[in-house]
């Protein structure tokens, strides 16, 4: 019976082949979530949009560091921005990733 189950699992895995583009996007997403500064920024953006200066102030980071991380996250389409005058306001752009981040934080909190 175990052999039958393993055969079924192998057949299912064959059907779930990941194309190269999807594989790259998934690995980049996990790369984005592997950096503590990016996690802090995304966690802050879970609740509301913030300007670069406000993010830097709240997280006690330099403006250039925040800008660099936001550029990385924007390129992955994890954050988006809107312009108001000369100020850019950033917010999260992917509810799936935010849910994944929240679950990871919740998981880590229960260890």
N, C-alpha and C. Protein backbone atom coordinates (compact mmCIF):
# COMPACT_ATOMS: atom_id res chain seq x y z
N UNK A 1 0.82 -1.19 0.00
CA UNK A 1 0.00 0.00 0.00
C UNK A 1 0.87 1.26 0.00
N UNK A 2 1.95 1.27 0.77
CA UNK A 2 2.87 2.39 0.79
C UNK A 2 3.48 2.64 -0.57
N UNK A 3 3.77 1.56 -1.29
CA UNK A 3 4.34 1.69 -2.63
C UNK A 3 3.36 2.38 -3.57
N UNK A 4 2.06 2.06 -3.44
CA UNK A 4 1.04 2.70 -4.28
C UNK A 4 0.95 4.19 -3.98
N UNK A 5 1.02 4.53 -2.70
CA UNK A 5 0.95 5.93 -2.30
C UNK A 5 2.16 6.69 -2.86
N UNK A 6 3.33 6.12 -2.77
CA UNK A 6 4.53 6.77 -3.29
C UNK A 6 4.45 6.95 -4.80
N UNK A 7 3.90 5.98 -5.52
CA UNK A 7 3.72 6.10 -6.97
C UNK A 7 2.76 7.24 -7.29
N UNK A 8 1.69 7.34 -6.51
CA UNK A 8 0.72 8.43 -6.71
C UNK A 8 1.37 9.79 -6.47
N UNK A 9 2.18 9.87 -5.42
CA UNK A 9 2.88 11.12 -5.12
C UNK A 9 3.83 11.49 -6.24
N UNK A 10 4.54 10.51 -6.79
CA UNK A 10 5.46 10.77 -7.90
C UNK A 10 4.71 11.27 -9.11
N UNK A 11 3.57 10.67 -9.41
CA UNK A 11 2.76 11.11 -10.55
C UNK A 11 2.27 12.54 -10.35
N UNK A 12 1.85 12.87 -9.12
CA UNK A 12 1.39 14.22 -8.83
C UNK A 12 2.52 15.23 -9.01
N UNK A 13 3.71 14.89 -8.54
CA UNK A 13 4.86 15.79 -8.66
C UNK A 13 5.23 16.03 -10.11
N UNK A 14 5.09 15.04 -10.97
CA UNK A 14 5.37 15.22 -12.39
C UNK A 14 4.43 16.25 -12.98
N UNK A 15 3.18 16.24 -12.54
CA UNK A 15 2.18 17.18 -13.06
C UNK A 15 2.39 18.59 -12.54
N UNK A 16 3.15 18.75 -11.49
CA UNK A 16 3.35 20.05 -10.88
C UNK A 16 4.70 20.65 -11.26
N UNK A 17 5.18 20.35 -12.43
CA UNK A 17 6.45 20.90 -12.91
C UNK A 17 6.38 22.42 -12.92
N UNK A 18 7.43 23.06 -12.43
CA UNK A 18 7.48 24.52 -12.36
C UNK A 18 8.31 25.03 -13.52
N UNK A 19 7.74 25.91 -14.32
CA UNK A 19 8.50 26.47 -15.43
C UNK A 19 9.59 27.40 -14.89
N UNK A 20 10.57 27.68 -15.73
CA UNK A 20 11.76 28.45 -15.31
C UNK A 20 11.41 29.85 -14.82
N UNK A 21 10.49 30.52 -15.49
CA UNK A 21 10.13 31.88 -15.08
C UNK A 21 9.50 31.89 -13.70
N UNK A 22 8.58 30.95 -13.46
CA UNK A 22 7.93 30.85 -12.15
C UNK A 22 8.96 30.51 -11.08
N UNK A 23 9.85 29.61 -11.39
CA UNK A 23 10.91 29.24 -10.46
C UNK A 23 11.76 30.44 -10.08
N UNK A 24 12.11 31.26 -11.07
CA UNK A 24 12.91 32.46 -10.82
C UNK A 24 12.15 33.45 -9.93
N UNK A 25 10.88 33.69 -10.24
CA UNK A 25 10.08 34.65 -9.47
C UNK A 25 9.93 34.18 -8.03
N UNK A 26 9.68 32.90 -7.83
CA UNK A 26 9.55 32.36 -6.47
C UNK A 26 10.86 32.51 -5.71
N UNK A 27 11.97 32.20 -6.35
CA UNK A 27 13.26 32.32 -5.65
C UNK A 27 13.57 33.78 -5.32
N UNK A 28 13.24 34.70 -6.21
CA UNK A 28 13.46 36.12 -5.94
C UNK A 28 12.56 36.61 -4.80
N UNK A 29 11.34 36.09 -4.75
CA UNK A 29 10.42 36.47 -3.67
C UNK A 29 10.98 36.02 -2.32
N UNK A 30 11.45 34.78 -2.27
CA UNK A 30 12.03 34.31 -1.01
C UNK A 30 13.33 35.05 -0.69
N UNK A 31 14.06 35.44 -1.70
CA UNK A 31 15.26 36.26 -1.48
C UNK A 31 14.86 37.59 -0.84
N UNK A 32 13.78 38.18 -1.35
CA UNK A 32 13.30 39.45 -0.78
C UNK A 32 12.90 39.28 0.67
N UNK A 33 12.30 38.14 0.99
CA UNK A 33 11.84 37.90 2.36
C UNK A 33 12.94 37.37 3.27
N UNK A 34 14.14 37.20 2.73
CA UNK A 34 15.23 36.67 3.55
C UNK A 34 16.04 37.78 4.22
N UNK A 35 15.74 39.02 3.91
CA UNK A 35 16.50 40.15 4.45
C UNK A 35 15.72 40.81 5.59
N UNK A 36 16.31 40.92 6.78
CA UNK A 36 15.59 41.51 7.92
C UNK A 36 15.08 42.93 7.66
N UNK A 37 15.84 43.74 6.97
CA UNK A 37 15.40 45.11 6.70
C UNK A 37 14.17 45.11 5.80
N UNK A 38 14.18 44.28 4.77
CA UNK A 38 13.02 44.21 3.88
C UNK A 38 11.80 43.67 4.61
N UNK A 39 12.01 42.70 5.50
CA UNK A 39 10.89 42.18 6.30
C UNK A 39 10.31 43.29 7.16
N UNK A 40 11.16 44.08 7.78
CA UNK A 40 10.67 45.18 8.63
C UNK A 40 9.88 46.19 7.80
N UNK A 41 10.38 46.51 6.62
CA UNK A 41 9.69 47.47 5.75
C UNK A 41 8.34 46.91 5.31
N UNK A 42 8.32 45.67 4.84
CA UNK A 42 7.05 45.07 4.40
C UNK A 42 6.07 44.95 5.55
N UNK A 43 6.56 44.60 6.72
CA UNK A 43 5.68 44.51 7.89
C UNK A 43 5.05 45.86 8.21
N UNK A 44 5.84 46.91 8.10
CA UNK A 44 5.32 48.26 8.33
C UNK A 44 4.27 48.62 7.28
N UNK A 45 4.52 48.22 6.04
CA UNK A 45 3.60 48.55 4.95
C UNK A 45 2.34 47.68 4.94
N UNK A 46 2.30 46.67 5.81
CA UNK A 46 1.09 45.84 5.94
C UNK A 46 -0.11 46.68 6.34
N UNK A 47 0.13 47.64 7.19
CA UNK A 47 -0.97 48.38 7.80
C UNK A 47 -1.34 49.66 7.06
N UNK A 48 -0.37 50.31 6.43
CA UNK A 48 -0.65 51.61 5.82
C UNK A 48 0.48 51.99 4.89
N UNK A 49 0.23 53.01 4.05
CA UNK A 49 1.30 53.52 3.20
C UNK A 49 2.15 54.51 3.99
N UNK A 50 3.41 54.62 3.58
CA UNK A 50 4.34 55.51 4.27
C UNK A 50 5.32 56.11 3.27
N UNK A 51 5.79 57.29 3.57
CA UNK A 51 6.84 57.91 2.76
C UNK A 51 8.18 57.30 3.14
N UNK A 52 9.16 57.48 2.28
CA UNK A 52 10.52 56.98 2.55
C UNK A 52 11.03 57.56 3.87
N UNK A 53 10.85 58.86 4.05
CA UNK A 53 11.33 59.51 5.28
C UNK A 53 10.66 58.92 6.52
N UNK A 54 9.37 58.67 6.43
CA UNK A 54 8.64 58.13 7.57
C UNK A 54 9.09 56.71 7.88
N UNK A 55 9.30 55.90 6.84
CA UNK A 55 9.80 54.54 7.03
C UNK A 55 11.17 54.58 7.70
N UNK A 56 12.05 55.44 7.20
CA UNK A 56 13.39 55.57 7.76
C UNK A 56 13.33 55.97 9.23
N UNK A 57 12.47 56.92 9.53
CA UNK A 57 12.34 57.41 10.91
C UNK A 57 11.81 56.31 11.84
N UNK A 58 10.74 55.65 11.44
CA UNK A 58 10.11 54.62 12.29
C UNK A 58 11.06 53.45 12.52
N UNK A 59 11.77 53.03 11.46
CA UNK A 59 12.62 51.85 11.56
C UNK A 59 14.06 52.18 11.93
N UNK A 60 14.34 53.46 12.15
CA UNK A 60 15.68 53.91 12.52
C UNK A 60 16.73 53.46 11.50
N UNK A 61 16.43 53.77 10.22
CA UNK A 61 17.31 53.44 9.11
C UNK A 61 17.64 54.70 8.34
N UNK A 62 18.68 54.66 7.54
CA UNK A 62 18.99 55.81 6.71
C UNK A 62 18.01 55.86 5.53
N UNK A 63 17.78 57.07 5.04
CA UNK A 63 16.88 57.25 3.91
C UNK A 63 17.40 56.49 2.69
N UNK A 64 18.71 56.50 2.48
CA UNK A 64 19.28 55.82 1.31
C UNK A 64 19.11 54.30 1.42
N UNK A 65 19.23 53.76 2.61
CA UNK A 65 19.02 52.33 2.82
C UNK A 65 17.57 51.95 2.52
N UNK A 66 16.65 52.74 3.01
CA UNK A 66 15.22 52.49 2.77
C UNK A 66 14.92 52.58 1.28
N UNK A 67 15.44 53.61 0.63
CA UNK A 67 15.21 53.78 -0.81
C UNK A 67 15.75 52.59 -1.59
N UNK A 68 16.93 52.14 -1.23
CA UNK A 68 17.54 50.99 -1.90
C UNK A 68 16.65 49.74 -1.75
N UNK A 69 16.18 49.48 -0.54
CA UNK A 69 15.35 48.30 -0.30
C UNK A 69 14.00 48.43 -1.00
N UNK A 70 13.43 49.62 -0.99
CA UNK A 70 12.15 49.82 -1.67
C UNK A 70 12.28 49.62 -3.18
N UNK A 71 13.39 50.04 -3.74
CA UNK A 71 13.63 49.84 -5.18
C UNK A 71 13.67 48.34 -5.49
N UNK A 72 14.36 47.58 -4.63
CA UNK A 72 14.42 46.12 -4.79
C UNK A 72 13.02 45.52 -4.72
N UNK A 73 12.24 45.93 -3.73
CA UNK A 73 10.89 45.40 -3.54
C UNK A 73 9.95 45.83 -4.68
N UNK A 74 10.14 47.05 -5.18
CA UNK A 74 9.31 47.55 -6.27
C UNK A 74 9.59 46.77 -7.55
N UNK A 75 10.85 46.46 -7.80
CA UNK A 75 11.21 45.68 -8.99
C UNK A 75 10.58 44.29 -8.98
N UNK A 76 10.32 43.76 -7.81
CA UNK A 76 9.65 42.46 -7.68
C UNK A 76 8.13 42.61 -7.60
N UNK A 77 7.66 43.83 -7.69
CA UNK A 77 6.22 44.15 -7.60
C UNK A 77 5.63 43.74 -6.25
N UNK A 78 6.43 43.89 -5.20
CA UNK A 78 5.95 43.62 -3.85
C UNK A 78 5.46 44.90 -3.19
N UNK A 79 5.96 46.03 -3.66
CA UNK A 79 5.48 47.34 -3.19
C UNK A 79 5.18 48.21 -4.42
N UNK A 80 4.34 49.20 -4.18
CA UNK A 80 4.01 50.19 -5.21
C UNK A 80 4.08 51.56 -4.56
N UNK A 81 4.03 52.60 -5.37
CA UNK A 81 4.08 53.95 -4.80
C UNK A 81 3.11 54.86 -5.53
N UNK A 82 2.79 55.93 -4.84
CA UNK A 82 2.02 57.02 -5.45
C UNK A 82 2.75 58.31 -5.11
N UNK A 83 2.65 59.27 -6.01
CA UNK A 83 3.34 60.53 -5.81
C UNK A 83 2.33 61.58 -5.34
N UNK A 84 2.72 62.33 -4.33
CA UNK A 84 1.95 63.49 -3.87
C UNK A 84 2.92 64.65 -3.77
N UNK A 85 2.90 65.52 -4.77
CA UNK A 85 3.89 66.59 -4.85
C UNK A 85 5.25 65.97 -5.12
N UNK A 86 6.20 66.23 -4.23
CA UNK A 86 7.53 65.66 -4.39
C UNK A 86 7.75 64.42 -3.52
N UNK A 87 6.71 64.03 -2.78
CA UNK A 87 6.83 62.90 -1.86
C UNK A 87 6.25 61.63 -2.47
N UNK A 88 6.97 60.53 -2.33
CA UNK A 88 6.48 59.23 -2.76
C UNK A 88 5.98 58.47 -1.54
N UNK A 89 4.78 57.92 -1.66
CA UNK A 89 4.19 57.12 -0.60
C UNK A 89 4.14 55.67 -1.06
N UNK A 90 4.73 54.78 -0.28
CA UNK A 90 4.81 53.37 -0.63
C UNK A 90 3.77 52.56 0.14
N UNK A 91 3.28 51.53 -0.52
CA UNK A 91 2.36 50.58 0.10
C UNK A 91 2.64 49.20 -0.48
N UNK A 92 2.10 48.18 0.15
CA UNK A 92 2.34 46.82 -0.37
C UNK A 92 1.52 46.63 -1.65
N UNK A 93 2.00 45.74 -2.51
CA UNK A 93 1.36 45.54 -3.81
C UNK A 93 0.98 44.09 -4.06
N UNK A 94 1.07 43.24 -3.05
CA UNK A 94 0.77 41.83 -3.26
C UNK A 94 0.24 41.22 -1.98
N UNK A 95 -1.06 41.02 -1.93
CA UNK A 95 -1.67 40.46 -0.72
C UNK A 95 -1.19 39.05 -0.43
N UNK A 96 -0.87 38.27 -1.47
CA UNK A 96 -0.36 36.92 -1.25
C UNK A 96 0.93 36.95 -0.44
N UNK A 97 1.83 37.83 -0.81
CA UNK A 97 3.11 37.92 -0.12
C UNK A 97 2.92 38.45 1.29
N UNK A 98 2.01 39.40 1.46
CA UNK A 98 1.77 39.94 2.79
C UNK A 98 1.18 38.86 3.70
N UNK A 99 0.31 38.03 3.16
CA UNK A 99 -0.24 36.92 3.94
C UNK A 99 0.85 35.92 4.30
N UNK A 100 1.74 35.64 3.35
CA UNK A 100 2.86 34.74 3.61
C UNK A 100 3.76 35.31 4.71
N UNK A 101 4.03 36.61 4.64
CA UNK A 101 4.86 37.27 5.65
C UNK A 101 4.18 37.20 7.02
N UNK A 102 2.90 37.51 7.07
CA UNK A 102 2.17 37.46 8.34
C UNK A 102 2.19 36.05 8.93
N UNK A 103 2.01 35.05 8.07
CA UNK A 103 2.04 33.66 8.55
C UNK A 103 3.42 33.29 9.07
N UNK A 104 4.46 33.73 8.38
CA UNK A 104 5.83 33.43 8.82
C UNK A 104 6.11 34.10 10.17
N UNK A 105 5.66 35.33 10.33
CA UNK A 105 5.85 36.05 11.61
C UNK A 105 5.08 35.36 12.72
N UNK A 106 3.84 34.98 12.40
CA UNK A 106 3.03 34.26 13.40
C UNK A 106 3.66 32.93 13.77
N UNK A 107 4.15 32.21 12.79
CA UNK A 107 4.83 30.94 13.04
C UNK A 107 6.05 31.12 13.93
N UNK A 108 6.86 32.13 13.62
CA UNK A 108 8.08 32.39 14.40
C UNK A 108 7.73 32.80 15.83
N UNK A 109 6.61 33.47 16.01
CA UNK A 109 6.21 33.93 17.34
C UNK A 109 5.76 32.78 18.24
N UNK A 110 5.38 31.66 17.63
CA UNK A 110 4.88 30.51 18.41
C UNK A 110 5.93 29.44 18.65
N UNK A 111 7.15 29.72 18.25
CA UNK A 111 8.21 28.70 18.41
C UNK A 111 8.70 28.67 19.84
